């Protein structure tokens, strides 16, 4: 099954329904709708319950239609104030979008985040360090690459579906320490540079998820096109295919486990019918203190003749047999002499 975990929600029901139908034609079966962040400084306020917009009915062919929330982290104090487990009870996926080096380090060290989405169309004022990303990969953190930044059609749209590259975007407060692009050509150039650097930091693109982040059908691409784009950015064809199949499926399953599970609960499974490794390999077990007497009795029952003879004992036995044979020969000669006399 092919996944697209970032499809922005639009107020136009006709355009949004057309986008979902086109995703089905491109063989996508699991789609996550990216909803706008809730209004207010604290989206987890229990006094004001979150109200999600009414979604259109999913067209035939979509097996899972998920809801997603992307939280921009502008400072290091934003993430501790947000209760992710509360948001995960409302949304199927909760993604973090850091905007600085400190917030990126904080997001990679947060175990409750379902996904880390990076805005690769902007210019990052620092280099992606492999050490930080390798530690996050070991903890099972997945990173999202939205390929719509490499296209002319982008997510922040006007009425025609094209982004308005104005100075208002830089003052909107969603960029943080990032340097916003000034035109589509700069966005594409930043995307290629940032994506290759991210894949290099992830040691070949481990734990990478490819999504569209396209608000219109003009920004969508088929799975094979996404695979070719991943190969162009520096990952292998197998890893690129995992980025639209196995990796997003793991993200969805892990998010569901966080939503319906409880921290600290461990499920013990007893495996029956598997032989002990020591018995199968014939390795002698260590004798416990309680079994020392039993082991001593078994050692006493072993006969000395069953033990292999050393070379010295074999030489002594051969010499003794030779002496006995020579002694019998002398007695026989003496007996012959006596008979002749």
C-alpha atoms as a PDB file:
ATOM      1  CA  UNK A   1       0.000   0.000   0.000  1.00  0.00           C
ATOM      2  CA  UNK A   2       1.251   3.445  -0.905  1.00  0.00           C
ATOM      3  CA  UNK A   3       1.024   6.202   1.684  1.00  0.00           C
ATOM      4  CA  UNK A   4       0.805   9.987   1.533  1.00  0.00           C
ATOM      5  CA  UNK A   5       0.900  11.294   5.086  1.00  0.00           C
ATOM      6  CA  UNK A   6       0.632  15.001   4.300  1.00  0.00           C
ATOM      7  CA  UNK A   7      -2.282  16.303   2.231  1.00  0.00           C
ATOM      8  CA  UNK A   8      -3.228  19.842   3.381  1.00  0.00           C
ATOM      9  CA  UNK A   9      -6.870  20.498   4.063  1.00  0.00           C
ATOM     10  CA  UNK A  10      -8.554  23.189   1.985  1.00  0.00           C
ATOM     11  CA  UNK A  11     -11.842  24.944   2.661  1.00  0.00           C
ATOM     12  CA  UNK A  12     -13.064  24.263  -0.869  1.00  0.00           C
ATOM     13  CA  UNK A  13     -14.804  20.917  -0.625  1.00  0.00           C
ATOM     14  CA  UNK A  14     -14.860  20.440  -4.403  1.00  0.00           C
ATOM     15  CA  UNK A  15     -11.103  20.977  -4.789  1.00  0.00           C
ATOM     16  CA  UNK A  16     -10.320  18.786  -1.803  1.00  0.00           C
ATOM     17  CA  UNK A  17     -12.562  16.003  -3.104  1.00  0.00           C
ATOM     18  CA  UNK A  18     -10.820  16.252  -6.469  1.00  0.00           C
ATOM     19  CA  UNK A  19      -7.434  15.914  -4.744  1.00  0.00           C
ATOM     20  CA  UNK A  20      -8.519  12.761  -2.903  1.00  0.00           C
ATOM     21  CA  UNK A  21      -9.912  11.233  -6.073  1.00  0.00           C
ATOM     22  CA  UNK A  22      -6.701  11.898  -7.940  1.00  0.00           C
ATOM     23  CA  UNK A  23      -4.681  10.291  -5.133  1.00  0.00           C
ATOM     24  CA  UNK A  24      -6.774   7.158  -5.574  1.00  0.00           C
ATOM     25  CA  UNK A  25      -6.011   7.179  -9.302  1.00  0.00           C
ATOM     26  CA  UNK A  26      -2.295   7.350  -8.418  1.00  0.00           C
ATOM     27  CA  UNK A  27      -2.690   4.134  -6.317  1.00  0.00           C
ATOM     28  CA  UNK A  28      -2.450   5.780  -2.872  1.00  0.00           C
ATOM     29  CA  UNK A  29      -4.559   3.919  -0.320  1.00  0.00           C
ATOM     30  CA  UNK A  30      -3.530   5.479   3.029  1.00  0.00           C
ATOM     31  CA  UNK A  31      -3.861   9.273   3.210  1.00  0.00           C
ATOM     32  CA  UNK A  32      -3.359  11.637   6.132  1.00  0.00           C
ATOM     33  CA  UNK A  33      -5.133  15.002   5.961  1.00  0.00           C
ATOM     34  CA  UNK A  34      -3.039  17.794   7.464  1.00  0.00           C
ATOM     35  CA  UNK A  35      -5.434  20.020   9.400  1.00  0.00           C
ATOM     36  CA  UNK A  36      -4.629  23.612  10.385  1.00  0.00           C
ATOM     37  CA  UNK A  37      -3.345  24.138  13.941  1.00  0.00           C
ATOM     38  CA  UNK A  38      -6.013  25.054  16.483  1.00  0.00           C
ATOM     39  CA  UNK A  39      -6.353  28.705  17.374  1.00  0.00           C
ATOM     40  CA  UNK A  40      -4.947  29.921  20.644  1.00  0.00           C
ATOM     41  CA  UNK A  41      -1.573  29.773  22.311  1.00  0.00           C
ATOM     42  CA  UNK A  42      -2.334  26.476  24.073  1.00  0.00           C
ATOM     43  CA  UNK A  43      -3.874  23.913  21.730  1.00  0.00           C
ATOM     44  CA  UNK A  44      -4.151  21.413  24.574  1.00  0.00           C
ATOM     45  CA  UNK A  45      -6.479  23.468  26.724  1.00  0.00           C
ATOM     46  CA  UNK A  46      -9.086  21.131  28.153  1.00  0.00           C
ATOM     47  CA  UNK A  47     -11.587  23.941  28.746  1.00  0.00           C
ATOM     48  CA  UNK A  48     -11.779  24.555  25.013  1.00  0.00           C
ATOM     49  CA  UNK A  49     -12.125  21.177  23.274  1.00  0.00           C
ATOM     50  CA  UNK A  50     -10.636  20.875  19.838  1.00  0.00           C
ATOM     51  CA  UNK A  51     -13.142  21.107  17.035  1.00  0.00           C
ATOM     52  CA  UNK A  52     -12.067  19.490  13.778  1.00  0.00           C
ATOM     53  CA  UNK A  53     -13.452  20.637  10.442  1.00  0.00           C
ATOM     54  CA  UNK A  54     -15.970  18.442   8.690  1.00  0.00           C
ATOM     55  CA  UNK A  55     -14.160  16.158   6.284  1.00  0.00           C
ATOM     56  CA  UNK A  56     -15.713  15.023   3.024  1.00  0.00           C
ATOM     57  CA  UNK A  57     -16.512  11.326   2.573  1.00  0.00           C
ATOM     58  CA  UNK A  58     -13.518   9.354   1.437  1.00  0.00           C
ATOM     59  CA  UNK A  59     -13.757   8.063  -2.126  1.00  0.00           C
ATOM     60  CA  UNK A  60     -13.764   4.364  -2.895  1.00  0.00           C
ATOM     61  CA  UNK A  61     -10.248   2.963  -2.901  1.00  0.00           C
ATOM     62  CA  UNK A  62      -8.921   4.678   0.226  1.00  0.00           C
ATOM     63  CA  UNK A  63      -8.407   2.142   2.992  1.00  0.00           C
ATOM     64  CA  UNK A  64      -7.410   4.642   5.682  1.00  0.00           C
ATOM     65  CA  UNK A  65      -8.188   8.355   5.858  1.00  0.00           C
ATOM     66  CA  UNK A  66      -6.260   9.801   8.795  1.00  0.00           C
ATOM     67  CA  UNK A  67      -6.142  13.200  10.455  1.00  0.00           C
ATOM     68  CA  UNK A  68      -2.852  14.929  11.104  1.00  0.00           C
ATOM     69  CA  UNK A  69      -1.616  17.969  12.995  1.00  0.00           C
ATOM     70  CA  UNK A  70       1.721  19.636  12.229  1.00  0.00           C
ATOM     71  CA  UNK A  71       2.980  21.758  15.125  1.00  0.00           C
ATOM     72  CA  UNK A  72       5.629  24.392  14.326  1.00  0.00           C
ATOM     73  CA  UNK A  73       8.162  24.644  17.155  1.00  0.00           C
ATOM     74  CA  UNK A  74       9.448  28.233  17.142  1.00  0.00           C
ATOM     75  CA  UNK A  75      11.381  28.121  20.423  1.00  0.00           C
ATOM     76  CA  UNK A  76      12.609  25.572  22.926  1.00  0.00           C
ATOM     77  CA  UNK A  77       9.857  26.593  25.370  1.00  0.00           C
ATOM     78  CA  UNK A  78       7.010  25.698  22.994  1.00  0.00           C
ATOM     79  CA  UNK A  79       7.313  21.922  23.105  1.00  0.00           C
ATOM     80  CA  UNK A  80       7.228  21.451  26.919  1.00  0.00           C
ATOM     81  CA  UNK A  81       4.022  23.524  27.057  1.00  0.00           C
ATOM     82  CA  UNK A  82       2.248  21.215  24.593  1.00  0.00           C
ATOM     83  CA  UNK A  83       0.877  17.906  25.846  1.00  0.00           C
ATOM     84  CA  UNK A  84       1.364  15.633  22.883  1.00  0.00           C
ATOM     85  CA  UNK A  85      -0.538  12.728  24.377  1.00  0.00           C
ATOM     86  CA  UNK A  86      -3.619  14.964  24.661  1.00  0.00           C
ATOM     87  CA  UNK A  87      -3.386  15.924  20.986  1.00  0.00           C
ATOM     88  CA  UNK A  88      -2.836  12.306  19.991  1.00  0.00           C
ATOM     89  CA  UNK A  89      -6.274  11.458  21.389  1.00  0.00           C
ATOM     90  CA  UNK A  90      -7.799  13.848  18.814  1.00  0.00           C
ATOM     91  CA  UNK A  91      -5.495  13.446  15.806  1.00  0.00           C
ATOM     92  CA  UNK A  92      -4.241  10.219  14.275  1.00  0.00           C
ATOM     93  CA  UNK A  93      -0.785  11.700  13.640  1.00  0.00           C
ATOM     94  CA  UNK A  94       1.043  14.536  15.406  1.00  0.00           C
ATOM     95  CA  UNK A  95       4.112  15.848  13.568  1.00  0.00           C
ATOM     96  CA  UNK A  96       6.632  18.378  14.840  1.00  0.00           C
ATOM     97  CA  UNK A  97       8.207  21.009  12.592  1.00  0.00           C
ATOM     98  CA  UNK A  98      11.325  22.534  14.231  1.00  0.00           C
ATOM     99  CA  UNK A  99      12.605  25.904  13.057  1.00  0.00           C
ATOM    100  CA  UNK A 100      16.047  26.118  14.709  1.00  0.00           C
ATOM    101  CA  UNK A 101      18.919  23.938  15.848  1.00  0.00           C
ATOM    102  CA  UNK A 102      17.743  23.907  19.470  1.00  0.00           C
ATOM    103  CA  UNK A 103      14.194  22.971  18.554  1.00  0.00           C
ATOM    104  CA  UNK A 104      15.466  20.276  16.174  1.00  0.00           C
ATOM    105  CA  UNK A 105      17.558  18.754  18.966  1.00  0.00           C
ATOM    106  CA  UNK A 106      14.562  18.946  21.292  1.00  0.00           C
ATOM    107  CA  UNK A 107      12.248  17.346  18.728  1.00  0.00           C
ATOM    108  CA  UNK A 108      14.627  14.453  17.988  1.00  0.00           C
ATOM    109  CA  UNK A 109      14.923  13.699  21.707  1.00  0.00           C
ATOM    110  CA  UNK A 110      11.129  13.661  22.260  1.00  0.00           C
ATOM    111  CA  UNK A 111       9.830  10.070  22.304  1.00  0.00           C
ATOM    112  CA  UNK A 112       6.151  11.044  21.988  1.00  0.00           C
ATOM    113  CA  UNK A 113       6.357  12.642  18.528  1.00  0.00           C
ATOM    114  CA  UNK A 114       4.935  10.537  15.705  1.00  0.00           C
ATOM    115  CA  UNK A 115       6.897  12.265  12.940  1.00  0.00           C
ATOM    116  CA  UNK A 116       9.402  15.087  12.450  1.00  0.00           C
ATOM    117  CA  UNK A 117       8.677  17.166   9.369  1.00  0.00           C
ATOM    118  CA  UNK A 118      11.347  19.590   8.153  1.00  0.00           C
ATOM    119  CA  UNK A 119      10.618  22.591   5.938  1.00  0.00           C
ATOM    120  CA  UNK A 120      13.330  21.985   3.353  1.00  0.00           C
ATOM    121  CA  UNK A 121      12.307  24.925   1.155  1.00  0.00           C
ATOM    122  CA  UNK A 122      13.916  27.369   3.600  1.00  0.00           C
ATOM    123  CA  UNK A 123      17.593  27.874   4.224  1.00  0.00           C
ATOM    124  CA  UNK A 124      18.853  26.304   7.424  1.00  0.00           C
ATOM    125  CA  UNK A 125      21.619  28.331   9.120  1.00  0.00           C
ATOM    126  CA  UNK A 126      23.440  25.199  10.331  1.00  0.00           C
ATOM    127  CA  UNK A 127      24.516  21.799   9.005  1.00  0.00           C
ATOM    128  CA  UNK A 128      22.704  18.566   9.786  1.00  0.00           C
ATOM    129  CA  UNK A 129      24.953  16.544  12.075  1.00  0.00           C
ATOM    130  CA  UNK A 130      24.946  12.759  11.581  1.00  0.00           C
ATOM    131  CA  UNK A 131      25.499  12.142  15.291  1.00  0.00           C
ATOM    132  CA  UNK A 132      22.209  13.750  16.284  1.00  0.00           C
ATOM    133  CA  UNK A 133      20.226  12.016  13.551  1.00  0.00           C
ATOM    134  CA  UNK A 134      21.823   8.604  14.195  1.00  0.00           C
ATOM    135  CA  UNK A 135      20.784   8.773  17.847  1.00  0.00           C
ATOM    136  CA  UNK A 136      17.238   9.656  16.785  1.00  0.00           C
ATOM    137  CA  UNK A 137      17.106   6.757  14.294  1.00  0.00           C
ATOM    138  CA  UNK A 138      18.121   4.319  17.045  1.00  0.00           C
ATOM    139  CA  UNK A 139      15.139   5.528  19.075  1.00  0.00           C
ATOM    140  CA  UNK A 140      12.809   4.908  16.121  1.00  0.00           C
ATOM    141  CA  UNK A 141      12.240   8.530  15.051  1.00  0.00           C
ATOM    142  CA  UNK A 142      11.094   9.063  11.445  1.00  0.00           C
ATOM    143  CA  UNK A 143      11.770  12.161   9.337  1.00  0.00           C
ATOM    144  CA  UNK A 144       9.518  13.472   6.600  1.00  0.00           C
ATOM    145  CA  UNK A 145      10.571  14.935   3.248  1.00  0.00           C
ATOM    146  CA  UNK A 146       7.784  16.822   1.453  1.00  0.00           C
ATOM    147  CA  UNK A 147       8.652  16.866  -2.236  1.00  0.00           C
ATOM    148  CA  UNK A 148       6.185  19.643  -3.082  1.00  0.00           C
ATOM    149  CA  UNK A 149       8.890  22.176  -2.214  1.00  0.00           C
ATOM    150  CA  UNK A 150      10.792  21.029  -5.303  1.00  0.00           C
ATOM    151  CA  UNK A 151       7.822  21.839  -7.543  1.00  0.00           C
ATOM    152  CA  UNK A 152       6.304  25.089  -8.673  1.00  0.00           C
ATOM    153  CA  UNK A 153       3.037  24.326  -6.906  1.00  0.00           C
ATOM    154  CA  UNK A 154       3.425  24.609  -3.118  1.00  0.00           C
ATOM    155  CA  UNK A 155       1.277  24.282  -0.017  1.00  0.00           C
ATOM    156  CA  UNK A 156       0.768  27.905   0.947  1.00  0.00           C
ATOM    157  CA  UNK A 157      -1.589  28.802  -1.866  1.00  0.00           C
ATOM    158  CA  UNK A 158      -3.572  31.666  -3.213  1.00  0.00           C
ATOM    159  CA  UNK A 159      -6.758  31.345  -5.200  1.00  0.00           C
ATOM    160  CA  UNK A 160      -4.892  29.982  -8.223  1.00  0.00           C
ATOM    161  CA  UNK A 161      -3.013  27.360  -6.217  1.00  0.00           C
ATOM    162  CA  UNK A 162       0.368  29.095  -6.427  1.00  0.00           C
ATOM    163  CA  UNK A 163       2.310  30.402  -3.495  1.00  0.00           C
ATOM    164  CA  UNK A 164       2.500  34.135  -2.946  1.00  0.00           C
ATOM    165  CA  UNK A 165       6.215  34.755  -2.423  1.00  0.00           C
ATOM    166  CA  UNK A 166       5.803  37.977  -0.496  1.00  0.00           C
ATOM    167  CA  UNK A 167       7.491  39.503   2.499  1.00  0.00           C
ATOM    168  CA  UNK A 168       4.433  38.651   4.584  1.00  0.00           C
ATOM    169  CA  UNK A 169       5.583  35.018   4.774  1.00  0.00           C
ATOM    170  CA  UNK A 170       8.781  35.975   6.573  1.00  0.00           C
ATOM    171  CA  UNK A 171       6.871  38.061   9.117  1.00  0.00           C
ATOM    172  CA  UNK A 172       4.220  35.425   9.714  1.00  0.00           C
ATOM    173  CA  UNK A 173       6.199  34.012  12.653  1.00  0.00           C
ATOM    174  CA  UNK A 174       6.397  30.437  11.373  1.00  0.00           C
ATOM    175  CA  UNK A 175       9.991  30.461  10.132  1.00  0.00           C
ATOM    176  CA  UNK A 176      11.931  30.941  13.385  1.00  0.00           C
ATOM    177  CA  UNK A 177      15.672  30.964  12.651  1.00  0.00           C
ATOM    178  CA  UNK A 178      15.099  29.736   9.094  1.00  0.00           C
ATOM    179  CA  UNK A 179      15.624  32.003   6.124  1.00  0.00           C
ATOM    180  CA  UNK A 180      12.472  31.876   3.947  1.00  0.00           C
ATOM    181  CA  UNK A 181      12.849  31.576   0.175  1.00  0.00           C
ATOM    182  CA  UNK A 182      12.212  34.623  -1.962  1.00  0.00           C
ATOM    183  CA  UNK A 183      10.986  32.844  -5.108  1.00  0.00           C
ATOM    184  CA  UNK A 184      10.210  29.296  -6.349  1.00  0.00           C
ATOM    185  CA  UNK A 185      13.705  28.891  -7.844  1.00  0.00           C
ATOM    186  CA  UNK A 186      15.282  29.567  -4.428  1.00  0.00           C
ATOM    187  CA  UNK A 187      12.864  27.127  -2.812  1.00  0.00           C
ATOM    188  CA  UNK A 188      13.826  24.365  -5.233  1.00  0.00           C
ATOM    189  CA  UNK A 189      17.529  25.077  -4.756  1.00  0.00           C
ATOM    190  CA  UNK A 190      17.169  24.997  -0.965  1.00  0.00           C
ATOM    191  CA  UNK A 191      15.137  21.789  -1.134  1.00  0.00           C
ATOM    192  CA  UNK A 192      17.757  19.888  -3.125  1.00  0.00           C
ATOM    193  CA  UNK A 193      20.591  21.071  -0.887  1.00  0.00           C
ATOM    194  CA  UNK A 194      18.726  20.369   2.368  1.00  0.00           C
ATOM    195  CA  UNK A 195      17.337  17.004   1.242  1.00  0.00           C
ATOM    196  CA  UNK A 196      20.731  15.666   0.150  1.00  0.00           C
ATOM    197  CA  UNK A 197      22.273  16.895   3.406  1.00  0.00           C
ATOM    198  CA  UNK A 198      19.514  15.252   5.435  1.00  0.00           C
ATOM    199  CA  UNK A 199      19.872  11.936   3.597  1.00  0.00           C
ATOM    200  CA  UNK A 200      23.626  12.073   4.095  1.00  0.00           C
ATOM    201  CA  UNK A 201      23.138  12.689   7.825  1.00  0.00           C
ATOM    202  CA  UNK A 202      20.721   9.742   7.989  1.00  0.00           C
ATOM    203  CA  UNK A 203      23.363   7.385   6.518  1.00  0.00           C
ATOM    204  CA  UNK A 204      21.653   6.759   3.209  1.00  0.00           C
ATOM    205  CA  UNK A 205      18.091   7.763   4.044  1.00  0.00           C
ATOM    206  CA  UNK A 206      17.170   5.520   6.954  1.00  0.00           C
ATOM    207  CA  UNK A 207      13.763   6.276   8.557  1.00  0.00           C
ATOM    208  CA  UNK A 208      12.738   8.682   5.792  1.00  0.00           C
ATOM    209  CA  UNK A 209       9.104   9.196   4.791  1.00  0.00           C
ATOM    210  CA  UNK A 210       8.220  10.865   1.486  1.00  0.00           C
ATOM    211  CA  UNK A 211       5.016  12.941   1.412  1.00  0.00           C
ATOM    212  CA  UNK A 212       3.528  15.393  -1.033  1.00  0.00           C
ATOM    213  CA  UNK A 213       2.210  18.353   1.022  1.00  0.00           C
ATOM    214  CA  UNK A 214       0.341  19.354  -2.123  1.00  0.00           C
ATOM    215  CA  UNK A 215      -2.886  21.325  -1.817  1.00  0.00           C
ATOM    216  CA  UNK A 216      -3.885  20.820  -5.461  1.00  0.00           C
ATOM    217  CA  UNK A 217      -3.710  17.973  -7.926  1.00  0.00           C
ATOM    218  CA  UNK A 218      -0.918  19.735  -9.830  1.00  0.00           C
ATOM    219  CA  UNK A 219       1.470  19.093  -6.953  1.00  0.00           C
ATOM    220  CA  UNK A 220       0.828  15.341  -6.694  1.00  0.00           C
ATOM    221  CA  UNK A 221       3.120  12.725  -8.169  1.00  0.00           C
ATOM    222  CA  UNK A 222       2.811   8.999  -8.757  1.00  0.00           C
ATOM    223  CA  UNK A 223       4.727   6.548  -6.529  1.00  0.00           C
ATOM    224  CA  UNK A 224       7.261   5.775  -9.252  1.00  0.00           C
ATOM    225  CA  UNK A 225       7.929   9.494  -9.710  1.00  0.00           C
ATOM    226  CA  UNK A 226       8.559   9.828  -5.991  1.00  0.00           C
ATOM    227  CA  UNK A 227      10.909   6.839  -6.181  1.00  0.00           C
ATOM    228  CA  UNK A 228      12.882   8.491  -8.987  1.00  0.00           C
ATOM    229  CA  UNK A 229      13.079  11.706  -6.985  1.00  0.00           C
ATOM    230  CA  UNK A 230      14.453   9.786  -3.997  1.00  0.00           C
ATOM    231  CA  UNK A 231      17.132   8.178  -6.165  1.00  0.00           C
ATOM    232  CA  UNK A 232      17.999  11.621  -7.493  1.00  0.00           C
ATOM    233  CA  UNK A 233      18.435  12.901  -3.931  1.00  0.00           C
ATOM    234  CA  UNK A 234      20.870  10.109  -3.056  1.00  0.00           C
ATOM    235  CA  UNK A 235      18.928   7.125  -1.693  1.00  0.00           C
ATOM    236  CA  UNK A 236      18.706   3.701  -3.256  1.00  0.00           C
ATOM    237  CA  UNK A 237      15.598   2.476  -5.040  1.00  0.00           C
ATOM    238  CA  UNK A 238      14.794   0.076  -2.179  1.00  0.00           C
ATOM    239  CA  UNK A 239      15.019   2.801   0.461  1.00  0.00           C
ATOM    240  CA  UNK A 240      12.940   5.165  -1.693  1.00  0.00           C
ATOM    241  CA  UNK A 241      10.239   2.506  -2.043  1.00  0.00           C
ATOM    242  CA  UNK A 242      10.285   1.968   1.721  1.00  0.00           C
ATOM    243  CA  UNK A 243       9.754   5.717   2.145  1.00  0.00           C
ATOM    244  CA  UNK A 244       6.285   5.484   0.601  1.00  0.00           C
ATOM    245  CA  UNK A 245       5.314   2.011   1.839  1.00  0.00           C
ATOM    246  CA  UNK A 246       6.969   0.362   4.855  1.00  0.00           C
ATOM    247  CA  UNK A 247       8.254   3.466   6.671  1.00  0.00           C
ATOM    248  CA  UNK A 248       4.927   5.389   6.726  1.00  0.00           C
ATOM    249  CA  UNK A 249       3.135   2.178   7.675  1.00  0.00           C
ATOM    250  CA  UNK A 250       5.438   1.909  10.697  1.00  0.00           C
ATOM    251  CA  UNK A 251       4.659   5.531  11.592  1.00  0.00           C
ATOM    252  CA  UNK A 252       0.907   4.870  11.475  1.00  0.00           C
ATOM    253  CA  UNK A 253       1.182   1.711  13.587  1.00  0.00           C
ATOM    254  CA  UNK A 254       3.402   3.396  16.166  1.00  0.00           C
ATOM    255  CA  UNK A 255       1.027   6.360  16.401  1.00  0.00           C
ATOM    256  CA  UNK A 256      -1.901   4.018  16.966  1.00  0.00           C
ATOM    257  CA  UNK A 257       0.020   2.188  19.691  1.00  0.00           C
ATOM    258  CA  UNK A 258       0.734   5.499  21.453  1.00  0.00           C
ATOM    259  CA  UNK A 259      -2.910   6.511  21.183  1.00  0.00           C
ATOM    260  CA  UNK A 260      -4.558   3.349  22.471  1.00  0.00           C
ATOM    261  CA  UNK A 261      -1.716   2.044  24.641  1.00  0.00           C
ATOM    262  CA  UNK A 262      -0.378   3.100  28.008  1.00  0.00           C
ATOM    263  CA  UNK A 263       3.198   3.850  28.937  1.00  0.00           C
ATOM    264  CA  UNK A 264       4.823   1.168  31.050  1.00  0.00           C
ATOM    265  CA  UNK A 265       2.618  -1.760  30.000  1.00  0.00           C
ATOM    266  CA  UNK A 266       4.660  -4.754  28.882  1.00  0.00           C
ATOM    267  CA  UNK A 267       3.171  -7.762  27.123  1.00  0.00           C
ATOM    268  CA  UNK A 268       4.875 -11.039  27.961  1.00  0.00           C
ATOM    269  CA  UNK A 269       4.663 -13.793  25.382  1.00  0.00           C
ATOM    270  CA  UNK A 270       5.712 -17.343  26.257  1.00  0.00           C
ATOM    271  CA  UNK A 271       7.186 -19.299  23.363  1.00  0.00           C
ATOM    272  CA  UNK A 272       6.424 -23.040  23.553  1.00  0.00           C
ATOM    273  CA  UNK A 273       8.200 -25.745  21.589  1.00  0.00           C
ATOM    274  CA  UNK A 274      11.568 -24.047  21.208  1.00  0.00           C
ATOM    275  CA  UNK A 275      14.500 -26.119  22.430  1.00  0.00           C
ATOM    276  CA  UNK A 276      17.031 -24.637  24.728  1.00  0.00           C
ATOM    277  CA  UNK A 277      20.031 -23.258  22.887  1.00  0.00           C
ATOM    278  CA  UNK A 278      22.437 -25.043  25.190  1.00  0.00           C
ATOM    279  CA  UNK A 279      20.721 -28.403  24.734  1.00  0.00           C
ATOM    280  CA  UNK A 280      20.462 -27.973  20.968  1.00  0.00           C
ATOM    281  CA  UNK A 281      24.115 -27.085  20.563  1.00  0.00           C
ATOM    282  CA  UNK A 282      25.288 -29.772  23.002  1.00  0.00           C
ATOM    283  CA  UNK A 283      26.915 -27.303  25.343  1.00  0.00           C
ATOM    284  CA  UNK A 284      27.425 -28.568  28.892  1.00  0.00           C
ATOM    285  CA  UNK A 285      25.461 -26.575  31.393  1.00  0.00           C
ATOM    286  CA  UNK A 286      27.071 -25.107  34.451  1.00  0.00           C
ATOM    287  CA  UNK A 287      26.495 -27.174  37.569  1.00  0.00           C
ATOM    288  CA  UNK A 288      24.478 -25.378  40.205  1.00  0.00           C
ATOM    289  CA  UNK A 289      25.167 -25.651  43.878  1.00  0.00           C
ATOM    290  CA  UNK A 290      22.156 -27.905  44.368  1.00  0.00           C
ATOM    291  CA  UNK A 291      23.320 -30.295  41.638  1.00  0.00           C
ATOM    292  CA  UNK A 292      26.904 -30.712  42.869  1.00  0.00           C
ATOM    293  CA  UNK A 293      26.119 -33.968  44.751  1.00  0.00           C
ATOM    294  CA  UNK A 294      24.360 -35.455  41.727  1.00  0.00           C
ATOM    295  CA  UNK A 295      27.265 -34.546  39.492  1.00  0.00           C
ATOM    296  CA  UNK A 296      29.758 -36.127  41.905  1.00  0.00           C
ATOM    297  CA  UNK A 297      27.815 -39.417  41.907  1.00  0.00           C
ATOM    298  CA  UNK A 298      27.786 -39.467  38.106  1.00  0.00           C
ATOM    299  CA  UNK A 299      31.554 -38.933  38.027  1.00  0.00           C
ATOM    300  CA  UNK A 300      32.092 -41.866  40.409  1.00  0.00           C
ATOM    301  CA  UNK A 301      30.065 -44.183  38.171  1.00  0.00           C
ATOM    302  CA  UNK A 302      32.404 -43.605  35.252  1.00  0.00           C
ATOM    303  CA  UNK A 303      34.762 -46.604  34.852  1.00  0.00           C
ATOM    304  CA  UNK A 304      38.508 -46.056  34.514  1.00  0.00           C
ATOM    305  CA  UNK A 305      38.616 -48.221  31.374  1.00  0.00           C
ATOM    306  CA  UNK A 306      36.277 -45.865  29.600  1.00  0.00           C
ATOM    307  CA  UNK A 307      38.763 -43.055  29.902  1.00  0.00           C
ATOM    308  CA  UNK A 308      41.154 -42.679  26.987  1.00  0.00           C
ATOM    309  CA  UNK A 309      44.726 -43.847  27.639  1.00  0.00           C
ATOM    310  CA  UNK A 310      47.585 -41.424  27.499  1.00  0.00           C
ATOM    311  CA  UNK A 311      50.669 -42.035  25.383  1.00  0.00           C
ATOM    312  CA  UNK A 312      52.773 -42.833  28.442  1.00  0.00           C
ATOM    313  CA  UNK A 313      50.321 -45.516  29.587  1.00  0.00           C
ATOM    314  CA  UNK A 314      50.262 -47.032  26.092  1.00  0.00           C
ATOM    315  CA  UNK A 315      54.076 -47.232  26.047  1.00  0.00           C
ATOM    316  CA  UNK A 316      54.144 -48.919  29.449  1.00  0.00           C
ATOM    317  CA  UNK A 317      51.558 -51.501  28.410  1.00  0.00           C
ATOM    318  CA  UNK A 318      53.470 -52.266  25.188  1.00  0.00           C
ATOM    319  CA  UNK A 319      56.747 -52.682  27.081  1.00  0.00           C
ATOM    320  CA  UNK A 320      55.138 -55.008  29.619  1.00  0.00           C
ATOM    321  CA  UNK A 321      53.650 -57.159  26.854  1.00  0.00           C
ATOM    322  CA  UNK A 322      57.030 -57.403  25.112  1.00  0.00           C
ATOM    323  CA  UNK A 323      58.780 -58.479  28.313  1.00  0.00           C
ATOM    324  CA  UNK A 324      56.187 -61.148  28.977  1.00  0.00           C
ATOM    325  CA  UNK A 325      56.509 -62.467  25.424  1.00  0.00           C
ATOM    326  CA  UNK A 326      60.290 -62.645  25.674  1.00  0.00           C
ATOM    327  CA  UNK A 327      60.090 -64.452  29.035  1.00  0.00           C
ATOM    328  CA  UNK A 328      57.802 -67.145  27.596  1.00  0.00           C
ATOM    329  CA  UNK A 329      60.256 -67.715  24.745  1.00  0.00           C
ATOM    330  CA  UNK A 330      63.222 -68.455  27.130  1.00  0.00           C
ATOM    331  CA  UNK A 331      61.213 -71.017  29.095  1.00  0.00           C
ATOM    332  CA  UNK A 332      60.256 -72.838  25.896  1.00  0.00           C
ATOM    333  CA  UNK A 333      63.949 -73.154  24.799  1.00  0.00           C
ATOM    334  CA  UNK A 334      64.919 -74.549  28.173  1.00  0.00           C
ATOM    335  CA  UNK A 335      62.171 -77.162  27.977  1.00  0.00           C
ATOM    336  CA  UNK A 336      63.407 -78.335  24.543  1.00  0.00           C
ATOM    337  CA  UNK A 337      66.945 -78.751  25.847  1.00  0.00           C
ATOM    338  CA  UNK A 338      65.815 -80.860  28.784  1.00  0.00           C
ATOM    339  CA  UNK A 339      63.826 -83.195  26.506  1.00  0.00           C
ATOM    340  CA  UNK A 340      66.811 -83.854  24.231  1.00  0.00           C
ATOM    341  CA  UNK A 341      68.986 -84.841  27.155  1.00  0.00           C
END
